[in-house]
Amino acid sequence: MENINNNTIPTYIFALGGVEEIGKNMYCIEHDNEIFIIDCGIKFADENVLLGVNAIICPFDYLVENKDKVKGLIVTHAHEDHIGGIPYLLKTIPVPKIYAAKLTAGIITKKLKEHKDLLPFSFEHFDDNTKLKSKYFNIEFFRVCHSIPDAFGIFLETPNGKIVSTGDFRFDFCTQGDESDILKMADLGRKEIDVLLCESTNAETLGFSVSEKNIIGELRRLIHKAKGRIFISTFASNLGRIEEIIEIAIKANRKICLCGRSMETNIETSINVGFLNVNKSCFIEPRDVNEVKDEEVMILSTGSQGEEMAALNQMASGKHSWITLKPSDTLILSSNPIPGNFASVEALVNKLYKTGMTIIQNTPERKIHASGHATQTEQQLMFKLINPQYIVPIHGEYKMLKALKNNAIESGVNEQNIIQIVNGQKVELLNHVAKATEDFIDIGEVYVDGNKINTDSTGVLKYRRVLSQDGVFNVTMMIDRDNKRVTELPVIATRGSFYAKTSAPLITKIAYSIKDNVEAAMKKKSFNINNNEIRKIAENTTEFFIWKNKKKKPLVRTTVFDI
């Protein structure tokens, strides 16, 4: 590596997503001709606002422009807000290496099988002892406790100083197998860390969060108390909790039914890589639930966030293919709504109550869920262990980033050394001195529609908003170019604008006006009019009459046939 005392080439740190928002976490460390990406996540879209959009990912333009610099993608853990964008990144640029722990790599591999046209990439697994080296970077990893196994923080030594990214973390001193490696964190803190990138999600929550051991104890009590069928909905990625729930179910002589694609995929992957040690004979298919006594069934379902197409919502709406809810059922919602999902969760819970079933939710008095994100005190413990010179808050809405800044100040960090940035803003690290720059990468939002990226995000939304509010008009006409006439009255079909049968005089008037205007334009020209000009006349005529009479601006689509 270069001399770190008198460098002239800065190291840059920046976020393509994940700052001032929940989701689409993607951070980059760049030095000269090398870029390492940390995570590539997705943000789920509000379907009431972003009509028909499945999700939002980061723009990859900067990485496309600098694709030869990209040396690898390091993935901290397998949550969607950290891995959901990977298929779309791989459709955009080749990635020489994807560095991921065993379980994380397994879940990503399963996800990538759903996509085609991926550019070249390869996996390299890492663990607690892995050390990576490139031209400018030395990279190591340390295990953190989170709500999914195989979660890691990252240490990067650069020519200008040492950087630590926490990933998503919490401290739970009663877990087994997924403990935060406090000794390694403290060891890193002795190496004079320059910059700490710290997640901010729970920065407003005081104290320590409840241990997962207490959550499991309460779930065990509720499961043993329930008499009929038990439904449990939790995050499909919370595999540590799911493993414990499955063990409790087996001891209670209950068969386990998995409902929801992500639940099935994550558990199957966990069994395949050895994280879950469960005999597959303990599971039954949804179609077989009614063949088993109610008191011998536990159903693990997706949909705790009120997702419209998730299994739990389908059951609540009476649309599930195999399972119908009934008053003797008990539902345990072992989760909290994530920011932005409160309304959809409330709507789901109200639908579930209408079935007559017993519903148990997380409350301060009855803890059946604990967040995987560090609280105020846990963040301050991280500050003390890593002991950085500078802190950059990441992974959170603005109020969370601000709260983390306050937490850092309270724990003794110099306020001037807390660098709060926005997506696309570069932090310069040069000879151990960090500062926010005025150098901004152009950042927008890219919408995912199905499995496709739509780069014209604004155009798509405008189109769909018009469709939803003002509808669409389709105009079809037959043209005789030789005689410069419209051979028949144009056929007009309308969808979503107004009821055509009650507006027949208006539709007829529009049709005659289109015919007259097109013929007038054709006769005015000495040469044949082209189809684009005809379409424009039809659209302008239609829009004029609809706005005048209905005060709407529908989309107008015109089809022209020559005879």
Protein backbone atom coordinates (compact mmCIF):
# COMPACT_ATOMS: atom_id res chain seq x y z
CA MET A 1 0.00 0.00 0.00
CA GLU A 2 1.00 3.62 -0.49
CA ASN A 3 2.67 5.80 2.12
CA ILE A 4 -0.23 6.97 4.33
CA ASN A 5 1.51 10.07 5.71
CA ASN A 6 1.77 12.27 2.62
CA ASN A 7 -0.82 11.07 0.12
CA THR A 8 -2.06 13.38 -2.60
CA ILE A 9 -4.80 11.00 -3.81
CA PRO A 10 -7.88 11.09 -1.52
CA THR A 11 -10.03 8.13 -0.53
CA TYR A 12 -13.74 8.79 -1.02
CA ILE A 13 -16.71 7.43 0.94
CA PHE A 14 -20.24 7.90 -0.37
CA ALA A 15 -23.74 6.44 -0.30
CA LEU A 16 -25.74 5.68 -3.42
CA GLY A 17 -28.70 4.86 -1.15
CA GLY A 18 -29.58 4.31 2.50
CA VAL A 19 -29.13 7.88 3.80
CA GLU A 20 -32.25 9.85 4.81
CA GLU A 21 -34.35 6.75 4.05
CA ILE A 22 -35.06 3.21 5.19
CA GLY A 23 -33.95 0.78 2.51
CA LYS A 24 -31.75 0.45 -0.59
CA ASN A 25 -28.54 0.52 1.41
CA MET A 26 -25.53 0.90 -0.89
CA TYR A 27 -22.22 2.45 0.13
CA CYS A 28 -18.95 2.81 -1.77
CA ILE A 29 -15.31 3.25 -0.81
CA GLU A 30 -13.19 4.57 -3.68
CA HIS A 31 -9.44 5.07 -3.96
CA ASP A 32 -7.84 5.94 -7.28
CA ASN A 33 -8.78 3.11 -9.67
CA GLU A 34 -10.48 0.82 -7.10
CA ILE A 35 -14.06 0.85 -5.81
CA PHE A 36 -15.47 -1.56 -3.24
CA ILE A 37 -19.25 -1.54 -2.85
CA ILE A 38 -20.84 -2.38 0.50
CA ASP A 39 -24.34 -3.87 0.07
CA CYS A 40 -26.84 -3.31 -2.72
CA GLY A 41 -30.34 -3.17 -1.32
CA ILE A 42 -33.89 -2.43 -2.31
CA LYS A 43 -36.64 -0.21 -0.89
CA PHE A 44 -40.22 -1.41 -1.10
CA ALA A 45 -42.60 0.98 -2.81
CA ASP A 46 -45.82 2.44 -1.43
CA GLU A 47 -48.27 1.07 -3.99
CA ASN A 48 -50.74 3.88 -3.27
CA VAL A 49 -48.15 6.45 -4.34
CA LEU A 50 -45.97 4.56 -6.83
CA LEU A 51 -48.63 2.88 -8.90
CA GLY A 52 -47.61 -0.60 -10.04
CA VAL A 53 -43.98 -0.15 -8.95
CA ASN A 54 -42.65 -3.16 -7.03
CA ALA A 55 -39.58 -1.60 -5.50
CA ILE A 56 -36.96 1.14 -5.72
CA ILE A 57 -33.22 0.65 -6.21
CA CYS A 58 -30.21 2.94 -6.35
CA PRO A 59 -29.10 4.48 -9.65
CA PHE A 60 -25.99 2.72 -10.96
CA ASP A 61 -24.86 5.45 -13.39
CA TYR A 62 -21.71 6.31 -11.44
CA LEU A 63 -20.72 2.64 -11.28
CA VAL A 64 -21.40 2.23 -15.00
CA GLU A 65 -19.13 5.19 -15.73
CA ASN A 66 -16.46 3.66 -13.47
CA LYS A 67 -17.14 -0.04 -14.03
CA ASP A 68 -13.45 -0.83 -14.55
CA LYS A 69 -12.78 0.45 -11.03
CA VAL A 70 -15.30 -1.88 -9.37
CA LYS A 71 -13.32 -4.65 -7.68
CA GLY A 72 -16.02 -6.22 -5.59
CA LEU A 73 -19.33 -6.09 -3.75
CA ILE A 74 -19.17 -6.88 -0.03
CA VAL A 75 -22.50 -7.98 1.49
CA THR A 76 -22.95 -7.54 5.24
CA HIS A 77 -26.04 -9.77 5.60
CA ALA A 78 -29.01 -11.19 3.71
CA HIS A 79 -31.82 -8.72 4.34
CA GLU A 80 -33.64 -7.36 1.28
CA ASP A 81 -32.64 -3.77 2.04
CA HIS A 82 -29.03 -4.95 1.63
CA ILE A 83 -29.26 -7.59 -1.13
CA GLY A 84 -32.46 -6.88 -3.09
CA GLY A 85 -30.72 -4.70 -5.68
CA ILE A 86 -27.97 -7.19 -6.53
CA PRO A 87 -29.76 -8.83 -9.51
CA TYR A 88 -30.29 -5.40 -11.09
CA LEU A 89 -26.69 -4.37 -10.47
CA LEU A 90 -25.55 -7.57 -12.20
CA LYS A 91 -27.77 -6.73 -15.18
CA THR A 92 -25.97 -3.40 -15.42
CA ILE A 93 -22.25 -4.06 -14.79
CA PRO A 94 -20.07 -7.14 -14.25
CA VAL A 95 -18.87 -7.57 -10.65
CA PRO A 96 -15.57 -9.48 -10.36
CA LYS A 97 -16.34 -10.76 -6.85
CA ILE A 98 -19.33 -10.83 -4.53
CA TYR A 99 -17.97 -11.32 -1.01
CA ALA A 100 -20.57 -12.85 1.31
CA ALA A 101 -20.83 -15.20 4.27
CA LYS A 102 -22.14 -18.71 3.66
CA LEU A 103 -25.83 -18.18 4.47
CA THR A 104 -25.90 -14.77 2.78
CA ALA A 105 -24.37 -16.24 -0.39
CA GLY A 106 -26.95 -19.05 -0.34
CA ILE A 107 -29.89 -16.64 -0.15
CA ILE A 108 -28.43 -14.37 -2.86
CA THR A 109 -27.82 -17.39 -5.13
CA LYS A 110 -31.46 -18.43 -4.76
CA LYS A 111 -32.57 -14.89 -5.63
CA LEU A 112 -30.33 -14.67 -8.71
CA LYS A 113 -31.88 -17.83 -10.18
CA GLU A 114 -35.08 -15.83 -10.74
CA HIS A 115 -33.27 -13.44 -13.10
CA LYS A 116 -31.85 -13.69 -16.60
CA ASP A 117 -29.24 -11.69 -18.52
CA LEU A 118 -26.84 -11.34 -15.58
CA LEU A 119 -23.35 -10.13 -16.40
CA PRO A 120 -20.30 -12.08 -15.16
CA PHE A 121 -19.75 -12.39 -11.41
CA SER A 122 -18.40 -14.91 -8.92
CA PHE A 123 -18.84 -15.54 -5.19
CA GLU A 124 -16.14 -15.64 -2.56
CA HIS A 125 -17.22 -16.67 0.93
CA PHE A 126 -15.80 -14.94 3.98
CA ASP A 127 -15.96 -15.64 7.72
CA ASP A 128 -14.61 -14.14 10.92
CA ASN A 129 -10.99 -14.90 10.00
CA THR A 130 -10.99 -13.89 6.32
CA LYS A 131 -8.51 -11.24 5.18
CA LEU A 132 -8.75 -9.71 1.71
CA LYS A 133 -6.10 -7.67 -0.02
CA SER A 134 -6.20 -5.56 -3.19
CA LYS A 135 -3.89 -2.92 -4.61
CA TYR A 136 -5.06 -0.24 -2.16
CA PHE A 137 -7.25 -2.04 0.40
CA ASN A 138 -6.83 -4.48 3.27
CA ILE A 139 -10.23 -5.81 4.38
CA GLU A 140 -11.32 -7.84 7.42
CA PHE A 141 -14.66 -8.79 8.97
CA PHE A 142 -16.18 -8.99 12.44
CA ARG A 143 -19.37 -10.76 13.42
CA VAL A 144 -22.31 -8.72 14.71
CA CYS A 145 -25.60 -9.78 16.29
CA HIS A 146 -28.60 -8.93 14.12
CA SER A 147 -31.99 -10.48 13.33
CA ILE A 148 -30.50 -12.86 10.76
CA PRO A 149 -27.49 -15.17 11.14
CA ASP A 150 -24.16 -14.48 9.43
CA ALA A 151 -24.27 -10.71 9.85
CA PHE A 152 -20.94 -8.87 9.74
CA GLY A 153 -19.28 -5.50 10.08
CA ILE A 154 -16.36 -4.56 7.84
CA PHE A 155 -12.89 -3.12 8.47
CA LEU A 156 -11.17 -1.47 5.50
CA GLU A 157 -7.62 -0.17 5.64
CA THR A 158 -6.97 2.38 2.89
CA PRO A 159 -3.91 4.46 1.98
CA ASN A 160 -5.48 7.44 3.80
CA GLY A 161 -6.75 5.77 6.95
CA LYS A 162 -8.87 3.04 8.48
CA ILE A 163 -12.63 2.75 7.97
CA VAL A 164 -15.18 0.58 9.81
CA SER A 165 -18.75 -0.03 8.61
CA THR A 166 -20.98 -1.57 11.28
CA GLY A 167 -23.53 -3.17 8.98
CA ASP A 168 -26.81 -3.71 10.86
CA PHE A 169 -26.13 -4.64 14.47
CA ARG A 170 -27.33 -4.84 18.03
CA PHE A 171 -25.87 -6.19 21.26
CA ASP A 172 -27.60 -9.18 22.84
CA PHE A 173 -25.51 -10.91 25.49
CA CYS A 174 -27.81 -13.92 25.80
CA THR A 175 -27.71 -15.19 22.22
CA GLN A 176 -25.94 -18.37 21.23
CA GLY A 177 -24.08 -18.60 17.93
CA ASP A 178 -24.66 -15.03 16.72
CA GLU A 179 -22.93 -13.00 19.39
CA SER A 180 -21.32 -9.70 18.47
CA ASP A 181 -17.55 -10.19 18.50
CA ILE A 182 -16.84 -7.57 21.12
CA LEU A 183 -13.22 -8.63 21.54
CA LYS A 184 -12.51 -8.08 17.84
CA MET A 185 -14.32 -4.74 17.89
CA ALA A 186 -12.18 -3.63 20.83
CA ASP A 187 -9.07 -4.85 19.02
CA LEU A 188 -10.03 -2.76 15.98
CA GLY A 189 -10.54 0.21 18.30
CA ARG A 190 -6.87 -0.04 19.28
CA LYS A 191 -5.86 0.39 15.62
CA GLU A 192 -6.83 4.08 15.58
CA ILE A 193 -9.91 3.94 13.37
CA ASP A 194 -10.39 7.10 11.34
CA VAL A 195 -14.01 6.80 10.13
CA LEU A 196 -16.95 4.79 11.47
CA LEU A 197 -20.01 4.34 9.24
CA CYS A 198 -22.73 3.54 11.77
CA GLU A 199 -26.33 2.48 11.16
CA SER A 200 -28.90 4.83 12.68
CA THR A 201 -32.26 3.01 12.52
CA ASN A 202 -32.97 2.78 16.27
CA ALA A 203 -31.02 5.85 17.37
CA GLU A 204 -34.11 7.33 19.04
CA THR A 205 -34.73 4.28 21.28
CA LEU A 206 -33.35 4.51 24.80
CA GLY A 207 -31.46 1.83 26.71
CA PHE A 208 -30.83 -1.73 25.55
CA SER A 209 -33.37 -3.68 23.52
CA VAL A 210 -34.97 -6.81 24.94
CA SER A 211 -32.90 -9.97 24.59
CA GLU A 212 -34.07 -12.52 22.04
CA LYS A 213 -34.01 -15.04 24.90
CA ASN A 214 -36.90 -13.17 26.55
CA ILE A 215 -38.81 -13.04 23.25
CA ILE A 216 -38.50 -16.79 22.79
CA GLY A 217 -39.62 -17.39 26.40
CA GLU A 218 -42.81 -15.38 25.84
CA LEU A 219 -43.48 -17.07 22.49
CA ARG A 220 -43.06 -20.49 24.15
CA ARG A 221 -45.63 -19.57 26.81
CA LEU A 222 -48.14 -18.33 24.22
CA ILE A 223 -47.70 -21.39 21.99
CA HIS A 224 -48.27 -23.82 24.86
CA LYS A 225 -51.34 -21.83 25.96
CA ALA A 226 -53.06 -21.81 22.55
CA LYS A 227 -55.66 -24.54 21.90
CA GLY A 228 -56.47 -24.42 18.18
CA ARG A 229 -54.31 -23.74 15.15
CA ILE A 230 -51.43 -21.34 15.75
CA PHE A 231 -50.37 -18.83 13.12
CA ILE A 232 -47.08 -16.99 13.62
CA SER A 233 -46.05 -14.19 11.32
CA THR A 234 -42.55 -12.78 11.60
CA PHE A 235 -39.87 -11.57 9.24
CA ALA A 236 -38.89 -14.46 6.98
CA SER A 237 -35.24 -13.51 7.46
CA ASN A 238 -35.36 -13.77 11.26
CA LEU A 239 -33.98 -17.28 11.05
CA GLY A 240 -32.68 -17.49 14.60
CA ARG A 241 -36.18 -16.86 15.97
CA ILE A 242 -37.77 -19.13 13.37
CA GLU A 243 -35.43 -21.96 14.36
CA GLU A 244 -36.50 -21.60 17.99
CA ILE A 245 -40.20 -21.44 17.04
CA ILE A 246 -39.87 -24.62 14.98
CA GLU A 247 -38.21 -26.38 17.93
CA ILE A 248 -41.02 -25.27 20.26
CA ALA A 249 -43.61 -26.50 17.74
CA ILE A 250 -41.98 -29.92 17.46
CA LYS A 251 -41.86 -30.31 21.24
CA ALA A 252 -45.56 -29.33 21.35
CA ASN A 253 -46.33 -32.10 18.82
CA ARG A 254 -47.32 -29.65 16.11
CA LYS A 255 -46.58 -30.02 12.40
CA ILE A 256 -45.18 -26.92 10.75
CA CYS A 257 -46.72 -25.43 7.62
CA LEU A 258 -44.79 -22.73 5.75
CA CYS A 259 -46.83 -20.12 3.90
CA GLY A 260 -45.13 -17.54 1.76
CA ARG A 261 -42.41 -17.79 -0.82
CA SER A 262 -39.72 -15.93 1.13
CA MET A 263 -40.38 -18.04 4.24
CA GLU A 264 -40.08 -21.25 2.25
CA THR A 265 -36.97 -20.06 0.38
CA ASN A 266 -35.10 -18.83 3.45
CA ILE A 267 -35.79 -21.96 5.50
CA GLU A 268 -34.89 -24.24 2.61
CA THR A 269 -31.62 -22.34 2.08
CA SER A 270 -30.85 -22.39 5.81
CA ILE A 271 -31.36 -26.16 5.95
CA ASN A 272 -29.21 -26.66 2.85
CA VAL A 273 -26.26 -24.66 4.21
CA GLY A 274 -26.55 -26.22 7.67
CA PHE A 275 -27.92 -23.30 9.70
CA LEU A 276 -31.21 -25.01 10.48
CA ASN A 277 -31.06 -28.58 11.72
CA VAL A 278 -34.65 -29.69 11.14
CA ASN A 279 -36.04 -32.95 9.83
CA LYS A 280 -38.16 -32.21 6.76
CA SER A 281 -40.78 -34.72 8.00
CA CYS A 282 -41.80 -32.06 10.53
CA PHE A 283 -43.29 -29.95 7.73
CA ILE A 284 -46.61 -30.26 5.94
CA GLU A 285 -47.87 -28.57 2.79
CA PRO A 286 -50.63 -25.89 2.97
CA ARG A 287 -52.97 -28.19 1.02
CA ASP A 288 -52.67 -30.79 3.82
CA VAL A 289 -53.44 -28.47 6.75
CA ASN A 290 -57.09 -29.53 6.94
CA GLU A 291 -56.04 -33.19 7.18
CA VAL A 292 -54.34 -32.53 10.55
CA LYS A 293 -56.06 -31.77 13.86
CA ASP A 294 -56.12 -28.04 14.70
CA GLU A 295 -54.17 -28.53 17.93
CA GLU A 296 -51.41 -30.26 15.96
CA VAL A 297 -50.74 -27.47 13.45
CA MET A 298 -48.51 -24.39 13.46
CA ILE A 299 -48.48 -22.14 10.40
CA LEU A 300 -45.46 -19.88 9.83
CA SER A 301 -46.52 -17.14 7.46
CA THR A 302 -45.13 -14.12 5.68
CA GLY A 303 -47.04 -10.85 5.63
CA SER A 304 -46.37 -9.28 9.02
CA GLN A 305 -45.90 -5.90 7.28
CA GLY A 306 -49.34 -5.93 5.64
CA GLU A 307 -48.02 -6.71 2.15
CA GLU A 308 -51.02 -7.07 -0.15
CA MET A 309 -49.88 -10.26 -1.89
CA ALA A 310 -48.29 -11.96 1.14
CA ALA A 311 -49.80 -15.15 2.53
CA LEU A 312 -51.32 -13.61 5.67
CA ASN A 313 -53.14 -10.90 3.73
CA GLN A 314 -54.45 -13.48 1.29
CA MET A 315 -55.84 -15.49 4.22
CA ALA A 316 -57.36 -12.39 5.83
CA SER A 317 -59.10 -11.57 2.53
CA GLY A 318 -60.36 -15.13 2.10
CA LYS A 319 -58.31 -15.58 -1.07
CA HIS A 320 -55.79 -18.19 0.04
CA SER A 321 -55.95 -21.39 -2.00
CA TRP A 322 -55.84 -23.80 0.94
CA ILE A 323 -56.26 -22.08 4.30
CA THR A 324 -59.40 -20.41 5.65
CA LEU A 325 -59.16 -18.56 8.96
CA LYS A 326 -61.64 -19.37 11.74
CA PRO A 327 -62.49 -18.08 15.26
CA SER A 328 -60.61 -20.89 17.04
CA ASP A 329 -57.30 -19.83 15.44
CA THR A 330 -54.61 -17.83 17.27
CA LEU A 331 -52.32 -15.43 15.41
CA ILE A 332 -49.05 -14.23 16.96
CA LEU A 333 -47.61 -11.20 15.17
CA SER A 334 -43.96 -11.43 16.19
CA SER A 335 -42.88 -8.18 14.54
CA ASN A 336 -43.27 -4.42 14.57
CA PRO A 337 -44.30 -2.31 11.56
CA ILE A 338 -41.25 -0.84 9.87
CA PRO A 339 -41.43 2.89 9.03
CA GLY A 340 -43.88 3.47 6.20
CA ASN A 341 -45.90 0.29 6.86
CA PHE A 342 -48.04 1.36 9.83
CA ALA A 343 -51.20 1.99 7.78
CA SER A 344 -50.99 -1.29 5.85
CA VAL A 345 -50.36 -3.28 9.06
CA GLU A 346 -53.35 -1.64 10.76
CA ALA A 347 -55.55 -2.43 7.75
CA LEU A 348 -54.40 -6.06 7.85
CA VAL A 349 -55.03 -6.40 11.60
CA ASN A 350 -58.55 -5.02 11.21
CA LYS A 351 -59.30 -7.58 8.48
CA LEU A 352 -57.93 -10.36 10.67
CA TYR A 353 -60.09 -9.34 13.62
CA LYS A 354 -63.18 -9.72 11.42
CA THR A 355 -62.45 -13.46 11.15
CA GLY A 356 -63.00 -13.84 14.89
CA MET A 357 -59.54 -15.26 15.53
CA THR A 358 -57.42 -14.33 18.57
CA ILE A 359 -54.66 -11.87 17.65
CA ILE A 360 -51.59 -11.28 19.81
CA GLN A 361 -49.35 -8.33 18.99
CA ASN A 362 -46.12 -6.99 20.44
CA THR A 363 -46.73 -4.54 23.31
CA PRO A 364 -44.55 -2.98 26.05
CA GLU A 365 -46.19 -5.38 28.53
CA ARG A 366 -45.92 -8.49 26.32
CA LYS A 367 -42.70 -8.52 24.32
CA ILE A 368 -42.88 -10.92 21.39
CA HIS A 369 -40.53 -8.99 19.12
CA ALA A 370 -37.16 -7.31 19.49
CA SER A 371 -35.55 -5.15 16.85
CA GLY A 372 -32.32 -6.23 15.22
CA HIS A 373 -31.05 -2.65 15.25
CA ALA A 374 -28.93 -0.96 17.90
CA THR A 375 -30.61 1.31 20.42
CA GLN A 376 -29.07 4.53 21.71
CA THR A 377 -27.02 2.80 24.40
CA GLU A 378 -25.96 0.01 22.04
CA GLN A 379 -24.75 2.57 19.51
CA GLN A 380 -22.78 4.34 22.21
CA LEU A 381 -21.19 1.02 23.16
CA MET A 382 -20.13 0.62 19.52
CA PHE A 383 -18.60 4.12 19.57
CA LYS A 384 -16.57 3.24 22.66
CA LEU A 385 -15.39 -0.10 21.24
CA ILE A 386 -14.36 1.23 17.81
CA ASN A 387 -13.19 4.62 19.16
CA PRO A 388 -13.23 6.41 15.77
CA GLN A 389 -11.92 9.88 14.99
CA TYR A 390 -14.93 10.60 12.73
CA ILE A 391 -18.47 9.19 12.56
CA VAL A 392 -20.69 9.15 9.46
CA PRO A 393 -24.34 8.24 10.29
CA ILE A 394 -25.91 5.95 7.65
CA HIS A 395 -28.95 3.66 7.21
CA GLY A 396 -31.80 5.79 8.49
CA GLU A 397 -34.23 8.61 7.93
CA TYR A 398 -33.03 12.15 8.65
CA LYS A 399 -34.36 12.18 12.22
CA MET A 400 -32.51 8.91 12.91
CA LEU A 401 -29.24 10.25 11.48
CA LYS A 402 -29.67 13.35 13.63
CA ALA A 403 -30.40 11.22 16.72
CA LEU A 404 -27.24 9.18 16.12
CA LYS A 405 -25.27 12.41 15.89
CA ASN A 406 -26.66 13.45 19.29
CA ASN A 407 -25.85 10.01 20.72
CA ALA A 408 -22.27 10.36 19.53
CA ILE A 409 -21.93 13.84 21.03
CA GLU A 410 -23.30 12.57 24.37
CA SER A 411 -20.73 9.78 24.36
CA GLY A 412 -17.87 12.24 23.94
CA VAL A 413 -17.32 12.51 20.19
CA ASN A 414 -16.39 15.99 18.96
CA GLU A 415 -19.43 17.46 17.16
CA GLN A 416 -17.16 18.76 14.38
CA ASN A 417 -16.09 15.18 13.68
CA ILE A 418 -19.62 13.88 13.01
CA ILE A 419 -20.21 14.11 9.27
CA GLN A 420 -23.86 14.01 8.26
CA ILE A 421 -24.25 13.57 4.51
CA VAL A 422 -26.93 12.92 1.89
CA ASN A 423 -27.03 10.25 -0.79
CA GLY A 424 -24.45 10.98 -3.47
CA GLN A 425 -22.33 13.33 -1.36
CA LYS A 426 -18.68 12.34 -1.16
CA VAL A 427 -16.70 12.29 2.08
CA GLU A 428 -12.99 12.83 1.47
CA LEU A 429 -10.46 11.01 3.64
CA LEU A 430 -6.92 12.31 3.10
CA ASN A 431 -4.03 11.51 5.44
CA HIS A 432 -6.42 10.65 8.31
CA VAL A 433 -8.47 13.86 7.92
CA ALA A 434 -12.11 13.42 6.84
CA LYS A 435 -14.49 16.08 5.55
CA ALA A 436 -17.72 16.32 3.59
CA THR A 437 -17.15 17.70 0.11
CA GLU A 438 -19.28 19.68 -2.31
CA ASP A 439 -18.76 16.89 -4.84
CA PHE A 440 -22.14 15.26 -5.44
CA ILE A 441 -22.96 12.25 -7.58
CA ASP A 442 -26.26 12.69 -9.41
CA ILE A 443 -28.70 10.56 -7.42
CA GLY A 444 -32.31 9.72 -8.23
CA GLU A 445 -34.55 6.72 -7.77
CA VAL A 446 -34.86 3.80 -10.17
CA TYR A 447 -38.12 1.87 -10.18
CA VAL A 448 -38.38 -1.90 -10.50
CA ASP A 449 -41.39 -3.08 -12.48
CA GLY A 450 -41.65 -6.86 -12.26
CA ASN A 451 -38.06 -7.98 -12.79
CA LYS A 452 -37.21 -5.05 -15.04
CA ILE A 453 -35.54 -1.73 -14.32
CA ASN A 454 -37.39 1.31 -15.64
CA THR A 455 -34.99 4.20 -16.17
CA ASP A 456 -37.77 6.66 -17.12
CA SER A 457 -39.15 6.64 -13.58
CA THR A 458 -40.84 10.05 -13.81
CA GLY A 459 -42.49 9.21 -17.14
CA VAL A 460 -43.79 5.87 -15.89
CA LEU A 461 -45.36 7.41 -12.79
CA LYS A 462 -46.94 10.24 -14.76
CA TYR A 463 -48.39 7.72 -17.23
CA ARG A 464 -49.82 5.52 -14.49
CA ARG A 465 -51.15 8.43 -12.47
CA VAL A 466 -53.05 9.72 -15.50
CA LEU A 467 -54.38 6.21 -16.14
CA SER A 468 -55.60 5.87 -12.56
CA GLN A 469 -57.16 9.33 -12.34
CA ASP A 470 -58.27 10.31 -15.86
CA GLY A 471 -58.31 7.05 -17.81
CA VAL A 472 -57.38 6.31 -21.41
CA PHE A 473 -58.98 6.89 -24.82
CA ASN A 474 -58.21 4.64 -27.78
CA VAL A 475 -59.00 6.08 -31.21
CA THR A 476 -58.96 3.82 -34.27
CA MET A 477 -59.40 5.20 -37.81
CA MET A 478 -59.18 4.05 -41.45
CA ILE A 479 -57.39 6.36 -43.90
CA ASP A 480 -57.72 6.51 -47.69
CA ARG A 481 -54.61 8.53 -48.59
CA ASP A 482 -55.26 8.54 -52.34
CA ASN A 483 -58.61 10.27 -51.92
CA LYS A 484 -57.54 12.17 -48.79
CA ARG A 485 -60.39 11.05 -46.59
CA VAL A 486 -61.22 9.11 -43.44
CA THR A 487 -63.27 6.22 -44.82
CA GLU A 488 -65.38 5.59 -41.71
CA LEU A 489 -66.23 7.40 -38.52
CA PRO A 490 -63.31 6.80 -36.05
CA VAL A 491 -64.01 4.19 -33.38
CA ILE A 492 -63.46 5.48 -29.86
CA ALA A 493 -63.08 3.26 -26.79
CA THR A 494 -62.65 4.67 -23.29
CA ARG A 495 -61.43 3.04 -20.08
CA GLY A 496 -61.45 4.62 -16.63
CA SER A 497 -62.39 8.13 -17.74
CA PHE A 498 -66.20 8.25 -17.76
CA TYR A 499 -69.07 5.97 -18.67
CA ALA A 500 -69.25 6.09 -22.48
CA LYS A 501 -72.90 4.96 -22.77
CA THR A 502 -74.14 7.96 -20.83
CA SER A 503 -71.94 10.27 -22.89
CA ALA A 504 -72.76 8.95 -26.37
CA PRO A 505 -73.42 12.42 -27.87
CA LEU A 506 -69.99 13.63 -26.71
CA ILE A 507 -68.24 10.51 -28.09
CA THR A 508 -70.02 10.98 -31.43
CA LYS A 509 -69.09 14.66 -31.56
CA ILE A 510 -65.41 13.79 -30.88
CA ALA A 511 -65.44 11.16 -33.64
CA TYR A 512 -66.91 13.54 -36.24
CA SER A 513 -64.49 16.31 -35.20
CA ILE A 514 -61.49 13.99 -35.56
CA LYS A 515 -62.72 12.92 -39.01
CA ASP A 516 -63.28 16.52 -40.13
CA ASN A 517 -59.93 17.80 -38.75
CA VAL A 518 -57.88 14.96 -40.24
CA GLU A 519 -59.53 15.29 -43.66
CA ALA A 520 -59.00 19.06 -43.61
CA ALA A 521 -55.31 18.56 -42.85
CA MET A 522 -54.97 15.91 -45.58
CA LYS A 523 -56.59 18.16 -48.21
CA LYS A 524 -54.52 21.16 -47.14
CA LYS A 525 -51.27 19.37 -48.01
CA SER A 526 -50.11 18.62 -51.51
CA PHE A 527 -48.32 15.47 -50.24
CA ASN A 528 -49.51 12.61 -48.01
CA ILE A 529 -49.72 13.39 -44.30
CA ASN A 530 -47.75 11.00 -42.07
CA ASN A 531 -49.23 8.89 -39.28
CA ASN A 532 -47.61 10.93 -36.48
CA GLU A 533 -49.36 14.07 -37.72
CA ILE A 534 -52.69 12.20 -37.89
CA ARG A 535 -52.25 10.90 -34.35
CA LYS A 536 -51.43 14.39 -33.08
CA ILE A 537 -54.61 15.82 -34.63
CA ALA A 538 -56.73 13.03 -33.12
CA GLU A 539 -55.14 13.47 -29.68
CA ASN A 540 -55.48 17.27 -29.65
CA THR A 541 -59.12 17.07 -30.77
CA THR A 542 -60.00 14.46 -28.15
CA GLU A 543 -58.17 16.26 -25.33
CA PHE A 544 -59.93 19.56 -26.20
CA PHE A 545 -63.47 18.10 -25.98
CA ILE A 546 -62.80 15.94 -22.89
CA TRP A 547 -61.32 18.83 -20.93
CA LYS A 548 -64.08 21.20 -22.03
CA ASN A 549 -66.87 18.81 -21.05
CA LYS A 550 -65.42 16.55 -18.33
CA LYS A 551 -62.42 18.48 -16.95
CA LYS A 552 -60.22 15.44 -17.41
CA LYS A 553 -56.94 14.85 -19.26
CA PRO A 554 -56.91 11.19 -20.29
CA LEU A 555 -54.15 9.48 -22.19
CA VAL A 556 -55.10 9.33 -25.88
CA ARG A 557 -53.75 6.52 -28.02
CA THR A 558 -54.47 6.56 -31.76
CA THR A 559 -54.15 3.68 -34.23
CA VAL A 560 -54.17 4.46 -37.95
CA PHE A 561 -54.89 1.89 -40.70
CA ASP A 562 -54.32 2.56 -44.41
CA ILE A 563 -56.67 1.08 -46.99
